[in-house]
Amino acid sequence: MDIRLNRYIDHTMLKPEATEADIRRLVAEAVEYDFAAVCVNGCYVGYASQLLADAGSTLLATSGHDRSDMPAVAAVVGFPLGAGSTVAKIEEALVAIEEGASEIDVVINIGAVKDCRWDYVRNEIYNLAQICHRSGHHPALLKVILETCLLTDEEIVECCRICGLAGADYVKTSTGFSDGGASVEHVRLMKEACGDELKVKASGGIRTLSDAKAMLDAGADRLGCSSSVSIMEELAKAGD
């Protein structure tokens, strides 16, 4: 591959039984492989942020090398159902940003999408985008999880359009906790619908190098993976 695959990966740990030891390992692996981000539940945002800050300080002290591109912290919001109130999602995003998250992965209100309550969907995403992008605070990217396995192609396309109008930065396929994960067909559909206005994150079920390559070939700009290390080991073995 003629790309830095590691820089496309959000190294992810979202299982409900995740412990501090799991987060320490996640962060250590993200630093070792220079992944784009670690993606964690809200309760671990502050912990992951501090671990990354400490890792950066240690690297500077021991090698004199300033890693200005340390992995970001991505926090999930309204996860995994998306059915919380807009006020609750905004507060959750605010707390995550204050604790060090520079990326917010929020689950869209799937019921509102199925009801075609597009004003509700747009207003929620707009308000979250304002929180993430507001001046006077370090900016955060907003990624909107569509849970594509629950939507029709027409609903996916409309969600992409609405998210673009509302100011999101990415649309994302899946939580990994529903009936299915990312598919090449849905990634390609989302990329076509978004054009240059939004980026696309594929997540859910990306476990092999072949999976990762397929998603990138379909147009994904970021990959959410819990099998990130094994994918990189597979890449190294392939000599790619």
Protein backbone atom coordinates (compact mmCIF):
# COMPACT_ATOMS: atom_id res chain seq x y z
CA MET A 1 0.00 0.00 0.00
CA ASP A 2 1.29 3.46 -0.83
CA ILE A 3 -0.40 5.05 2.19
CA ARG A 4 0.36 5.16 5.91
CA LEU A 5 -2.40 2.77 6.92
CA ASN A 6 -1.81 3.43 10.63
CA ARG A 7 -2.81 7.08 10.23
CA TYR A 8 -6.24 6.03 8.97
CA ILE A 9 -7.03 3.98 12.07
CA ASP A 10 -8.99 4.92 15.20
CA HIS A 11 -7.80 2.26 17.67
CA THR A 12 -11.01 1.37 19.48
CA MET A 13 -12.02 -0.01 22.88
CA LEU A 14 -15.75 0.35 23.54
CA LYS A 15 -16.75 -2.94 25.16
CA PRO A 16 -18.75 -2.40 28.37
CA GLU A 17 -16.35 -4.49 30.45
CA ALA A 18 -13.30 -2.43 29.45
CA THR A 19 -10.99 -1.75 32.40
CA GLU A 20 -8.27 0.81 33.05
CA ALA A 21 -5.74 -1.88 32.13
CA ASP A 22 -7.46 -2.24 28.75
CA ILE A 23 -7.25 1.52 28.18
CA ARG A 24 -3.57 1.59 29.17
CA ARG A 25 -2.87 -1.12 26.62
CA LEU A 26 -4.98 0.66 23.99
CA VAL A 27 -3.06 3.91 24.44
CA ALA A 28 0.34 2.19 24.50
CA GLU A 29 -0.49 0.41 21.24
CA ALA A 30 -1.76 3.62 19.67
CA VAL A 31 1.49 5.39 20.53
CA GLU A 32 3.62 2.46 19.33
CA TYR A 33 1.85 2.19 15.99
CA ASP A 34 1.16 5.92 15.62
CA PHE A 35 -2.57 5.49 15.05
CA ALA A 36 -4.73 8.52 14.26
CA ALA A 37 -6.78 8.24 17.46
CA VAL A 38 -7.97 6.12 20.32
CA CYS A 39 -11.76 5.81 20.55
CA VAL A 40 -13.15 5.25 24.05
CA ASN A 41 -16.27 5.58 26.14
CA GLY A 42 -16.82 8.85 27.95
CA CYS A 43 -15.72 7.59 31.36
CA TYR A 44 -12.20 6.97 30.00
CA VAL A 45 -11.66 10.21 28.06
CA GLY A 46 -9.77 11.97 30.85
CA TYR A 47 -7.71 8.87 31.63
CA ALA A 48 -6.76 8.28 27.99
CA SER A 49 -5.92 11.98 27.53
CA GLN A 50 -3.58 11.93 30.53
CA LEU A 51 -1.91 8.71 29.39
CA LEU A 52 -1.25 10.23 25.98
CA ALA A 53 0.10 13.43 27.53
CA ASP A 54 2.41 11.40 29.76
CA ALA A 55 3.57 9.30 26.81
CA GLY A 56 4.38 12.44 24.85
CA SER A 57 6.35 13.90 27.76
CA THR A 58 8.28 10.66 28.24
CA LEU A 59 9.12 10.51 24.55
CA LEU A 60 10.40 14.07 24.61
CA ALA A 61 12.47 13.47 27.76
CA THR A 62 14.05 10.21 26.60
CA SER A 63 14.63 10.91 22.92
CA GLY A 64 14.33 14.65 22.54
CA HIS A 65 11.65 13.98 19.93
CA ASP A 66 8.48 16.04 20.11
CA ARG A 67 5.57 13.95 18.79
CA SER A 68 3.21 16.75 17.84
CA ASP A 69 1.02 14.22 16.06
CA MET A 70 0.23 12.03 19.07
CA PRO A 71 -3.01 10.06 18.65
CA ALA A 72 -6.16 12.07 19.28
CA VAL A 73 -8.82 11.04 21.78
CA ALA A 74 -12.20 10.29 20.23
CA ALA A 75 -15.19 9.98 22.56
CA VAL A 76 -18.46 8.28 21.72
CA VAL A 77 -21.65 10.17 22.56
CA GLY A 78 -25.21 8.83 22.72
CA PHE A 79 -23.65 5.41 22.34
CA PRO A 80 -24.68 2.88 21.15
CA LEU A 81 -28.40 3.58 20.58
CA GLY A 82 -28.53 7.30 19.72
CA ALA A 83 -31.87 7.57 21.51
CA GLY A 84 -30.95 10.05 24.23
CA SER A 85 -32.19 13.63 24.17
CA THR A 86 -30.34 16.32 22.28
CA VAL A 87 -29.63 18.11 25.58
CA ALA A 88 -28.06 14.95 27.02
CA LYS A 89 -25.89 14.45 23.93
CA ILE A 90 -24.71 18.06 24.04
CA GLU A 91 -23.78 17.79 27.71
CA GLU A 92 -21.97 14.50 27.10
CA ALA A 93 -20.01 16.06 24.25
CA LEU A 94 -19.15 19.12 26.33
CA VAL A 95 -17.78 17.02 29.18
CA ALA A 96 -15.76 14.87 26.78
CA ILE A 97 -14.20 17.91 25.11
CA GLU A 98 -13.39 19.49 28.47
CA GLU A 99 -11.66 16.25 29.50
CA GLY A 100 -9.48 16.15 26.40
CA ALA A 101 -11.44 14.68 23.48
CA SER A 102 -10.71 16.32 20.16
CA GLU A 103 -13.07 14.07 18.21
CA ILE A 104 -16.72 13.27 19.01
CA ASP A 105 -18.42 10.20 17.50
CA VAL A 106 -22.16 10.65 18.11
CA VAL A 107 -24.92 8.22 17.21
CA ILE A 108 -27.67 9.81 15.14
CA ASN A 109 -31.25 9.56 16.42
CA ILE A 110 -32.17 6.51 14.37
CA GLY A 111 -35.87 6.64 15.29
CA ALA A 112 -36.09 10.23 14.07
CA VAL A 113 -34.45 9.19 10.80
CA LYS A 114 -36.97 6.33 10.34
CA ASP A 115 -39.80 8.82 11.04
CA CYS A 116 -38.32 11.28 8.50
CA ARG A 117 -38.15 13.94 11.24
CA TRP A 118 -35.37 15.64 9.35
CA ASP A 119 -35.69 18.97 11.17
CA TYR A 120 -35.04 17.19 14.47
CA VAL A 121 -32.05 15.34 13.03
CA ARG A 122 -30.59 18.48 11.47
CA ASN A 123 -31.07 20.59 14.60
CA GLU A 124 -29.43 17.98 16.81
CA ILE A 125 -26.39 17.64 14.55
CA TYR A 126 -26.19 21.41 14.09
CA ASN A 127 -26.13 22.03 17.84
CA LEU A 128 -23.48 19.36 18.35
CA ALA A 129 -21.39 20.83 15.54
CA GLN A 130 -21.59 24.25 17.18
CA ILE A 131 -20.32 22.75 20.44
CA CYS A 132 -17.49 20.94 18.70
CA HIS A 133 -16.42 23.86 16.53
CA ARG A 134 -17.12 26.77 18.86
CA SER A 135 -14.55 29.52 19.19
CA GLY A 136 -12.79 30.00 22.50
CA HIS A 137 -12.34 26.25 22.96
CA HIS A 138 -10.05 23.75 21.30
CA PRO A 139 -12.00 22.50 18.27
CA ALA A 140 -13.22 18.93 17.96
CA LEU A 141 -14.20 16.95 14.89
CA LEU A 142 -17.79 15.73 14.79
CA LYS A 143 -18.39 12.26 13.35
CA VAL A 144 -22.03 11.16 13.04
CA ILE A 145 -22.70 7.42 13.32
CA LEU A 146 -25.58 6.45 11.02
CA GLU A 147 -25.91 2.73 11.92
CA THR A 148 -26.28 1.93 8.24
CA CYS A 149 -27.43 -1.66 8.80
CA LEU A 150 -30.73 -0.24 10.10
CA LEU A 151 -31.28 2.22 7.24
CA THR A 152 -32.36 2.09 3.61
CA ASP A 153 -30.07 3.46 0.92
CA GLU A 154 -32.38 6.46 0.58
CA GLU A 155 -32.17 7.15 4.32
CA ILE A 156 -28.38 6.87 4.25
CA VAL A 157 -28.12 9.38 1.41
CA GLU A 158 -30.47 11.81 3.16
CA CYS A 159 -28.53 11.47 6.43
CA CYS A 160 -25.34 12.36 4.60
CA ARG A 161 -27.01 15.40 3.07
CA ILE A 162 -28.42 16.54 6.42
CA CYS A 163 -25.10 16.03 8.22
CA GLY A 164 -23.36 18.13 5.60
CA LEU A 165 -25.89 20.94 5.96
CA ALA A 166 -25.63 20.79 9.76
CA GLY A 167 -21.85 21.14 9.84
CA ALA A 168 -20.59 17.66 10.70
CA ASP A 169 -17.08 16.65 9.65
CA TYR A 170 -17.61 12.92 9.08
CA VAL A 171 -20.37 10.40 8.66
CA LYS A 172 -19.61 6.98 10.10
CA THR A 173 -21.14 3.63 9.23
CA SER A 174 -21.72 1.78 12.47
CA THR A 175 -21.39 1.40 16.22
CA GLY A 176 -20.39 -2.25 15.95
CA PHE A 177 -23.13 -3.04 18.49
CA SER A 178 -26.12 -3.48 16.15
CA ASP A 179 -27.13 -5.99 13.48
CA GLY A 180 -24.15 -5.37 11.23
CA GLY A 181 -21.00 -3.35 10.71
CA ALA A 182 -19.42 -1.56 7.80
CA SER A 183 -19.99 -2.80 4.27
CA VAL A 184 -18.17 -1.82 1.10
CA GLU A 185 -21.49 -1.00 -0.54
CA HIS A 186 -22.54 1.41 2.22
CA VAL A 187 -19.12 3.09 2.37
CA ARG A 188 -19.22 3.63 -1.38
CA LEU A 189 -22.77 4.97 -1.19
CA MET A 190 -21.84 7.37 1.61
CA LYS A 191 -18.75 8.59 -0.25
CA GLU A 192 -20.81 9.28 -3.36
CA ALA A 193 -23.44 11.12 -1.31
CA CYS A 194 -20.87 13.20 0.60
CA GLY A 195 -18.56 14.16 -2.23
CA ASP A 196 -15.93 16.54 -0.93
CA GLU A 197 -18.20 18.01 1.74
CA LEU A 198 -17.87 15.27 4.37
CA LYS A 199 -15.39 12.51 5.14
CA VAL A 200 -16.42 8.91 5.74
CA LYS A 201 -15.43 6.65 8.62
CA ALA A 202 -15.95 2.90 8.27
CA SER A 203 -16.32 0.96 11.49
CA GLY A 204 -17.67 -2.36 12.67
CA GLY A 205 -16.29 -5.74 11.61
CA ILE A 206 -13.00 -4.50 10.10
CA ARG A 207 -10.74 -7.29 11.35
CA THR A 208 -8.23 -8.03 8.58
CA LEU A 209 -5.89 -6.20 6.23
CA SER A 210 -8.17 -7.20 3.37
CA ASP A 211 -11.14 -5.62 5.16
CA ALA A 212 -9.20 -2.40 5.73
CA LYS A 213 -8.03 -2.18 2.12
CA ALA A 214 -11.55 -2.80 0.85
CA MET A 215 -12.98 0.05 2.95
CA LEU A 216 -10.26 2.46 1.86
CA ASP A 217 -10.73 1.48 -1.78
CA ALA A 218 -14.47 2.17 -1.38
CA GLY A 219 -13.70 5.70 -0.21
CA ALA A 220 -13.28 5.58 3.59
CA ASP A 221 -11.15 8.35 5.06
CA ARG A 222 -10.88 6.75 8.52
CA LEU A 223 -11.26 3.25 9.93
CA GLY A 224 -12.58 2.33 13.37
CA CYS A 225 -10.94 -0.93 14.46
CA SER A 226 -10.44 -2.96 17.60
CA SER A 227 -8.23 -5.36 15.59
CA SER A 228 -5.82 -2.57 14.64
CA VAL A 229 -2.66 -4.26 15.92
CA SER A 230 -3.32 -7.55 14.14
CA ILE A 231 -4.04 -5.60 10.94
CA MET A 232 -0.68 -3.81 11.23
CA GLU A 233 1.08 -7.11 11.96
CA GLU A 234 -0.55 -8.59 8.86
CA LEU A 235 0.64 -5.59 6.87
CA ALA A 236 4.21 -6.04 8.14
CA LYS A 237 4.18 -9.75 7.24
CA ALA A 238 2.96 -8.88 3.77
CA GLY A 239 5.94 -6.55 3.37
CA ASP A 240 3.51 -3.91 2.09
